[in-house]
Amino acid sequence: MRFRAATADPADLDRALAHPADGPVAALTPDRIREEFAANRMRPEWTWFAEDADGRVLARALWWGRADSVRPVALDCLQVREEVADPAALAAALLRAGHTAFGGRPGYNVSLPRDWRARPGLAAAVAWRQEAAYRAGLTREIERLRYEWTPAAGTAEPTGRLVFREGTDEEFLDAFARLSRGSLDLATQHELADLTEEELAREDFAFYRDCPGERSWWRLAHLPDGTLAGLAVPSATPYHRNVGYLGVVPEQRGRGLIDEVLAEITRFHAGEGAERITATTDTVNLPMAAAFDRAGYEVTEIRLVLEAPPGG
């Protein structure tokens, strides 16, 4: 078996596009893959094949990154031909080959319908992908709800319960640190096992500064008396506007203020003409999910995130 990137021949892109992707786990269409290559978000060196002795492609892995990424950010598509007896083993070897070339282990995002566990064929296709990811070192699993807002849902008017203003980098770093305390977000909990609140705040700050959204969009949320209540970070992806980061400081939680923060982000994007706003939250973060529901956001899919633990 040979594992290689699609860099040996100009025809490799056609081979990647032609690989069967008609299984129960949704995959990008050939036209969409071409668009991603044209935008530099998918690249030949991030596209990997597993070939048999005759040069026949038995598996395909497509990693994705932003147009300016040095390394891929996430694995987007993973397919193995149906006749392969042990798809998990072959896929794991393919992932390990890619990880070695990248010098790291990008996470794997699997987009699924909400009822995927009730569909035997789909659940089996997810299971071998989970096993492959685990064998390749992606041993941490988080399940997220992907939400979407459209103008038909409308926006809520400001209530005056919170005042939103711009802030300095130092003020935002402090707010990021305070919001991480007691967070129900699993990624935050995992990171705090190895980082201090201040270290995580710097990472979160840098991440959102690097997203397509603008730093000038960010707002601190205060009570009318000036007490810090939370943080609103409208953001964007390469495709559309995004909720980004939001939250309420621990001492102000339980008062419904998260609705005010989310409404501010939604109003901002809607005011800029957004036709779609996306967001994600962990399935276990019931208060945040309920806030999205109240704000008219609708669940469009489950996102299964498989990633390496810190230091992995």
Protein backbone atom coordinates (compact mmCIF):
# COMPACT_ATOMS: atom_id res chain seq x y z
CA MET A 1 0.00 0.00 0.00
CA ARG A 2 1.27 3.47 -0.88
CA PHE A 3 0.21 6.70 0.83
CA ARG A 4 0.94 9.96 -0.96
CA ALA A 5 -0.16 13.53 -1.51
CA ALA A 6 -1.79 14.50 -4.81
CA THR A 7 1.31 16.32 -6.00
CA ALA A 8 2.89 13.83 -8.43
CA ASP A 9 0.80 14.49 -11.52
CA PRO A 10 -1.55 17.24 -12.79
CA ALA A 11 -4.15 14.49 -13.22
CA ASP A 12 -4.18 13.89 -9.46
CA LEU A 13 -6.87 16.50 -8.95
CA ASP A 14 -9.11 14.70 -11.43
CA ARG A 15 -8.42 11.45 -9.57
CA ALA A 16 -9.40 13.09 -6.30
CA LEU A 17 -12.61 14.43 -7.81
CA ALA A 18 -13.47 11.07 -9.35
CA HIS A 19 -13.10 9.07 -6.14
CA PRO A 20 -16.46 7.61 -5.02
CA ALA A 21 -18.10 9.74 -2.34
CA ASP A 22 -21.62 8.35 -2.42
CA GLY A 23 -21.68 6.72 1.01
CA PRO A 24 -24.02 7.71 3.84
CA VAL A 25 -21.61 10.33 5.26
CA ALA A 26 -22.03 13.53 3.28
CA ALA A 27 -19.04 14.65 1.21
CA LEU A 28 -18.27 17.70 -0.87
CA THR A 29 -19.36 17.62 -4.49
CA PRO A 30 -16.70 17.80 -7.24
CA ASP A 31 -17.79 21.35 -8.07
CA ARG A 32 -17.41 22.41 -4.45
CA ILE A 33 -13.97 20.79 -4.24
CA ARG A 34 -12.90 22.71 -7.35
CA GLU A 35 -14.08 25.93 -5.70
CA GLU A 36 -12.07 25.13 -2.57
CA PHE A 37 -8.94 24.45 -4.63
CA ALA A 38 -9.44 27.67 -6.59
CA ALA A 39 -9.67 29.59 -3.29
CA ASN A 40 -6.53 27.86 -1.92
CA ARG A 41 -8.54 26.35 0.94
CA MET A 42 -7.80 22.87 -0.37
CA ARG A 43 -4.43 22.09 -1.92
CA PRO A 44 -2.66 19.18 -3.64
CA GLU A 45 -0.31 18.77 -0.67
CA TRP A 46 -3.33 18.50 1.64
CA THR A 47 -5.05 15.89 -0.57
CA TRP A 48 -3.91 12.34 0.15
CA PHE A 49 -4.45 8.96 -1.48
CA ALA A 50 -4.04 5.36 -0.40
CA GLU A 51 -3.11 3.34 -3.51
CA ASP A 52 -2.73 -0.38 -4.07
CA ALA A 53 0.14 -1.99 -5.97
CA ASP A 54 -1.59 -1.24 -9.28
CA GLY A 55 -1.97 2.46 -8.47
CA ARG A 56 -5.70 2.23 -7.82
CA VAL A 57 -6.97 4.74 -5.27
CA LEU A 58 -8.61 2.90 -2.37
CA ALA A 59 -9.02 5.85 -0.02
CA ARG A 60 -9.06 9.64 -0.18
CA ALA A 61 -8.53 12.27 2.49
CA LEU A 62 -9.14 15.99 1.89
CA TRP A 63 -7.85 18.45 4.45
CA TRP A 64 -9.01 22.07 4.54
CA GLY A 65 -7.52 25.36 5.72
CA ARG A 66 -7.96 29.08 5.28
CA ALA A 67 -6.48 30.64 2.17
CA ASP A 68 -3.48 31.90 4.14
CA SER A 69 -3.01 28.82 6.34
CA VAL A 70 0.47 27.33 6.52
CA ARG A 71 -0.94 23.95 7.60
CA PRO A 72 -4.40 22.46 7.17
CA VAL A 73 -6.92 23.31 9.86
CA ALA A 74 -9.16 20.25 9.65
CA LEU A 75 -9.89 17.05 7.78
CA ASP A 76 -13.01 17.65 5.72
CA CYS A 77 -13.61 14.45 3.71
CA LEU A 78 -12.52 10.85 4.30
CA GLN A 79 -13.67 8.06 1.99
CA VAL A 80 -12.64 4.41 1.61
CA ARG A 81 -13.89 2.16 -1.17
CA GLU A 82 -16.64 -0.24 -0.13
CA GLU A 83 -14.63 -3.35 -1.05
CA VAL A 84 -11.90 -2.58 1.51
CA ALA A 85 -12.27 -5.20 4.26
CA ASP A 86 -11.01 -3.01 7.12
CA PRO A 87 -11.76 0.63 6.27
CA ALA A 88 -10.74 1.86 9.74
CA ALA A 89 -7.24 0.39 9.44
CA LEU A 90 -6.65 1.79 5.95
CA ALA A 91 -8.06 5.20 6.85
CA ALA A 92 -5.96 5.36 10.03
CA ALA A 93 -2.79 4.65 8.07
CA LEU A 94 -3.72 7.33 5.54
CA LEU A 95 -4.34 9.87 8.30
CA ARG A 96 -1.04 9.04 9.99
CA ALA A 97 0.80 9.57 6.71
CA GLY A 98 -0.81 12.97 6.28
CA HIS A 99 -0.14 13.95 9.89
CA THR A 100 3.54 13.06 9.51
CA ALA A 101 3.81 15.27 6.44
CA PHE A 102 1.97 18.17 8.10
CA GLY A 103 3.93 17.97 11.34
CA GLY A 104 0.69 17.96 13.35
CA ARG A 105 -2.73 16.39 13.75
CA PRO A 106 -5.55 18.58 12.42
CA GLY A 107 -8.96 17.68 13.78
CA TYR A 108 -11.63 15.87 11.78
CA ASN A 109 -15.07 17.47 11.43
CA VAL A 110 -17.91 15.16 10.41
CA SER A 111 -21.21 16.80 9.45
CA LEU A 112 -24.24 14.66 10.29
CA PRO A 113 -28.03 14.87 10.58
CA ARG A 114 -29.45 15.04 14.10
CA ASP A 115 -30.79 11.48 13.94
CA TRP A 116 -27.59 9.87 12.67
CA ARG A 117 -27.46 7.31 15.48
CA ALA A 118 -30.88 5.98 14.47
CA ARG A 119 -29.72 5.22 10.91
CA PRO A 120 -27.79 1.90 11.00
CA GLY A 121 -25.89 2.40 7.75
CA LEU A 122 -24.88 5.94 8.66
CA ALA A 123 -23.95 4.98 12.21
CA ALA A 124 -21.70 2.20 10.88
CA ALA A 125 -20.00 4.60 8.45
CA VAL A 126 -19.38 7.03 11.30
CA ALA A 127 -18.06 4.24 13.54
CA TRP A 128 -15.18 3.24 11.28
CA ARG A 129 -14.26 6.89 10.81
CA GLN A 130 -14.23 7.36 14.60
CA GLU A 131 -12.02 4.29 14.97
CA ALA A 132 -9.64 5.51 12.26
CA ALA A 133 -9.38 8.93 13.87
CA TYR A 134 -8.75 7.35 17.27
CA ARG A 135 -5.97 5.16 15.89
CA ALA A 136 -4.41 8.23 14.28
CA GLY A 137 -4.33 10.09 17.59
CA LEU A 138 -7.58 12.05 17.37
CA THR A 139 -8.86 10.65 20.64
CA ARG A 140 -10.92 13.56 21.93
CA GLU A 141 -14.53 13.76 20.75
CA ILE A 142 -16.97 16.66 20.98
CA GLU A 143 -20.44 16.75 19.48
CA ARG A 144 -21.78 20.15 18.50
CA LEU A 145 -25.03 21.58 17.22
CA ARG A 146 -24.64 23.76 14.14
CA TYR A 147 -27.17 26.59 14.10
CA GLU A 148 -28.21 28.98 11.37
CA TRP A 149 -30.09 32.29 11.41
CA THR A 150 -31.79 33.80 8.37
CA PRO A 151 -33.64 37.12 8.09
CA ALA A 152 -36.98 35.34 8.34
CA ALA A 153 -36.25 34.82 12.05
CA GLY A 154 -36.04 38.58 12.65
CA THR A 155 -34.03 40.36 15.33
CA ALA A 156 -34.84 41.43 18.86
CA GLU A 157 -34.85 45.11 19.80
CA PRO A 158 -32.42 46.29 22.51
CA THR A 159 -33.98 46.15 25.97
CA GLY A 160 -31.54 48.45 27.76
CA ARG A 161 -30.50 45.70 30.19
CA LEU A 162 -26.98 45.82 28.76
CA VAL A 163 -24.80 48.53 27.28
CA PHE A 164 -22.32 47.50 24.56
CA ARG A 165 -19.09 49.33 23.87
CA GLU A 166 -15.69 48.89 22.30
CA GLY A 167 -12.74 47.99 24.50
CA THR A 168 -8.98 47.76 24.62
CA ASP A 169 -7.09 44.54 23.99
CA GLU A 170 -6.36 44.30 27.72
CA GLU A 171 -10.05 44.63 28.60
CA PHE A 172 -10.97 41.89 26.14
CA LEU A 173 -8.22 39.60 27.43
CA ASP A 174 -9.59 40.05 30.93
CA ALA A 175 -13.13 39.32 29.73
CA PHE A 176 -12.04 36.19 27.85
CA ALA A 177 -10.32 34.92 31.01
CA ARG A 178 -13.33 35.61 33.23
CA LEU A 179 -15.78 33.96 30.83
CA SER A 180 -13.77 30.73 30.82
CA ARG A 181 -14.50 30.17 34.54
CA GLY A 182 -17.20 27.54 34.94
CA SER A 183 -17.78 27.37 31.19
CA LEU A 184 -19.94 24.52 29.89
CA ASP A 185 -17.99 24.52 26.62
CA LEU A 186 -16.07 21.23 26.48
CA ALA A 187 -13.14 22.60 24.49
CA THR A 188 -12.69 25.32 27.11
CA GLN A 189 -12.81 22.77 29.92
CA HIS A 190 -10.25 20.59 28.15
CA GLU A 191 -7.90 23.51 27.50
CA LEU A 192 -8.06 24.67 31.11
CA ALA A 193 -6.70 21.30 32.19
CA ASP A 194 -3.36 22.39 30.73
CA LEU A 195 -3.55 26.20 30.50
CA THR A 196 -4.24 29.01 32.92
CA GLU A 197 -7.24 31.25 32.30
CA GLU A 198 -4.90 33.99 31.11
CA GLU A 199 -3.07 31.68 28.68
CA LEU A 200 -6.35 30.43 27.24
CA ALA A 201 -7.60 34.02 26.95
CA ARG A 202 -4.56 34.91 24.85
CA GLU A 203 -5.17 31.89 22.60
CA ASP A 204 -8.85 32.74 22.16
CA PHE A 205 -8.04 36.38 21.48
CA ALA A 206 -5.47 35.42 18.83
CA PHE A 207 -7.82 32.91 17.23
CA TYR A 208 -10.62 35.41 16.72
CA ARG A 209 -8.22 38.12 15.59
CA ASP A 210 -7.13 35.66 12.89
CA CYS A 211 -10.68 34.88 11.73
CA PRO A 212 -12.12 36.68 8.68
CA GLY A 213 -14.17 38.98 10.96
CA GLU A 214 -12.92 42.42 12.04
CA ARG A 215 -11.53 43.32 15.46
CA SER A 216 -13.61 46.52 15.31
CA TRP A 217 -16.78 44.41 15.54
CA TRP A 218 -16.06 43.22 19.08
CA ARG A 219 -18.03 44.60 22.04
CA LEU A 220 -17.90 44.40 25.81
CA ALA A 221 -21.28 44.07 27.52
CA HIS A 222 -21.91 46.08 30.71
CA LEU A 223 -24.79 46.56 33.08
CA PRO A 224 -26.10 50.14 33.08
CA ASP A 225 -23.99 50.85 36.20
CA GLY A 226 -20.78 49.92 34.32
CA THR A 227 -20.31 46.42 35.76
CA LEU A 228 -18.88 43.99 33.20
CA ALA A 229 -21.54 41.46 32.23
CA GLY A 230 -20.14 39.68 29.20
CA LEU A 231 -18.56 39.66 25.80
CA ALA A 232 -19.85 39.74 22.20
CA VAL A 233 -17.45 38.79 19.40
CA PRO A 234 -19.24 38.77 16.03
CA SER A 235 -17.07 36.88 13.56
CA ALA A 236 -17.07 35.33 10.10
CA THR A 237 -15.97 32.27 8.18
CA PRO A 238 -14.73 32.28 4.57
CA TYR A 239 -18.34 31.66 3.56
CA HIS A 240 -20.66 33.75 5.76
CA ARG A 241 -21.11 35.67 9.00
CA ASN A 242 -20.73 33.77 12.25
CA VAL A 243 -21.70 34.32 15.90
CA GLY A 244 -18.10 33.77 16.99
CA TYR A 245 -17.61 34.04 20.75
CA LEU A 246 -20.08 35.17 23.38
CA GLY A 247 -20.75 34.69 27.04
CA VAL A 248 -21.63 36.12 30.43
CA VAL A 249 -19.26 36.40 33.39
CA PRO A 250 -19.95 33.86 36.17
CA GLU A 251 -21.41 36.32 38.67
CA GLN A 252 -24.04 37.50 36.16
CA ARG A 253 -25.14 34.11 34.85
CA GLY A 254 -28.67 32.80 35.33
CA ARG A 255 -30.32 36.15 34.64
CA GLY A 256 -31.06 35.68 30.93
CA LEU A 257 -28.33 38.10 29.87
CA ILE A 258 -26.97 35.67 27.30
CA ASP A 259 -30.08 36.46 25.24
CA GLU A 260 -29.07 40.13 25.22
CA VAL A 261 -25.51 39.32 24.10
CA LEU A 262 -26.66 36.99 21.33
CA ALA A 263 -29.24 39.53 20.18
CA GLU A 264 -26.51 42.18 19.90
CA ILE A 265 -24.40 39.93 17.66
CA THR A 266 -27.42 39.02 15.54
CA ARG A 267 -28.47 42.67 15.14
CA PHE A 268 -24.94 43.62 14.15
CA HIS A 269 -24.65 41.03 11.40
CA ALA A 270 -28.22 41.64 10.20
CA GLY A 271 -27.49 45.35 10.06
CA GLU A 272 -24.55 44.59 7.79
CA GLY A 273 -26.88 42.77 5.40
CA ALA A 274 -26.09 39.19 6.40
CA GLU A 275 -28.44 36.67 4.79
CA ARG A 276 -27.10 33.85 6.98
CA ILE A 277 -25.45 33.70 10.39
CA THR A 278 -24.02 30.41 11.62
CA ALA A 279 -23.12 29.29 15.12
CA THR A 280 -22.16 26.15 17.00
CA THR A 281 -22.45 24.99 20.58
CA ASP A 282 -21.79 21.68 22.31
CA THR A 283 -24.78 19.39 22.64
CA VAL A 284 -24.17 19.32 26.42
CA ASN A 285 -24.30 23.13 26.67
CA LEU A 286 -28.05 23.22 27.17
CA PRO A 287 -28.32 26.90 28.27
CA MET A 288 -26.52 28.13 25.14
CA ALA A 289 -28.56 25.85 22.89
CA ALA A 290 -31.75 27.17 24.48
CA ALA A 291 -30.61 30.76 23.85
CA PHE A 292 -30.08 30.01 20.16
CA ASP A 293 -33.53 28.42 20.00
CA ARG A 294 -35.15 31.47 21.60
CA ALA A 295 -33.35 33.78 19.15
CA GLY A 296 -34.77 31.98 16.13
CA TYR A 297 -31.63 30.09 15.15
CA GLU A 298 -32.35 26.63 13.71
CA VAL A 299 -30.25 23.48 13.98
CA THR A 300 -29.03 22.43 10.53
CA GLU A 301 -26.71 19.57 11.48
CA ILE A 302 -24.66 17.81 14.12
CA ARG A 303 -20.93 18.38 13.89
CA LEU A 304 -18.84 15.55 15.29
CA VAL A 305 -15.37 16.92 16.11
CA LEU A 306 -12.53 14.44 16.58
CA GLU A 307 -9.25 16.00 17.65
CA ALA A 308 -5.94 15.34 19.32
CA PRO A 309 -5.66 16.09 23.04
CA PRO A 310 -3.18 18.79 24.12
CA GLY A 311 0.33 17.59 23.41
CA GLY A 312 -1.03 14.78 21.23
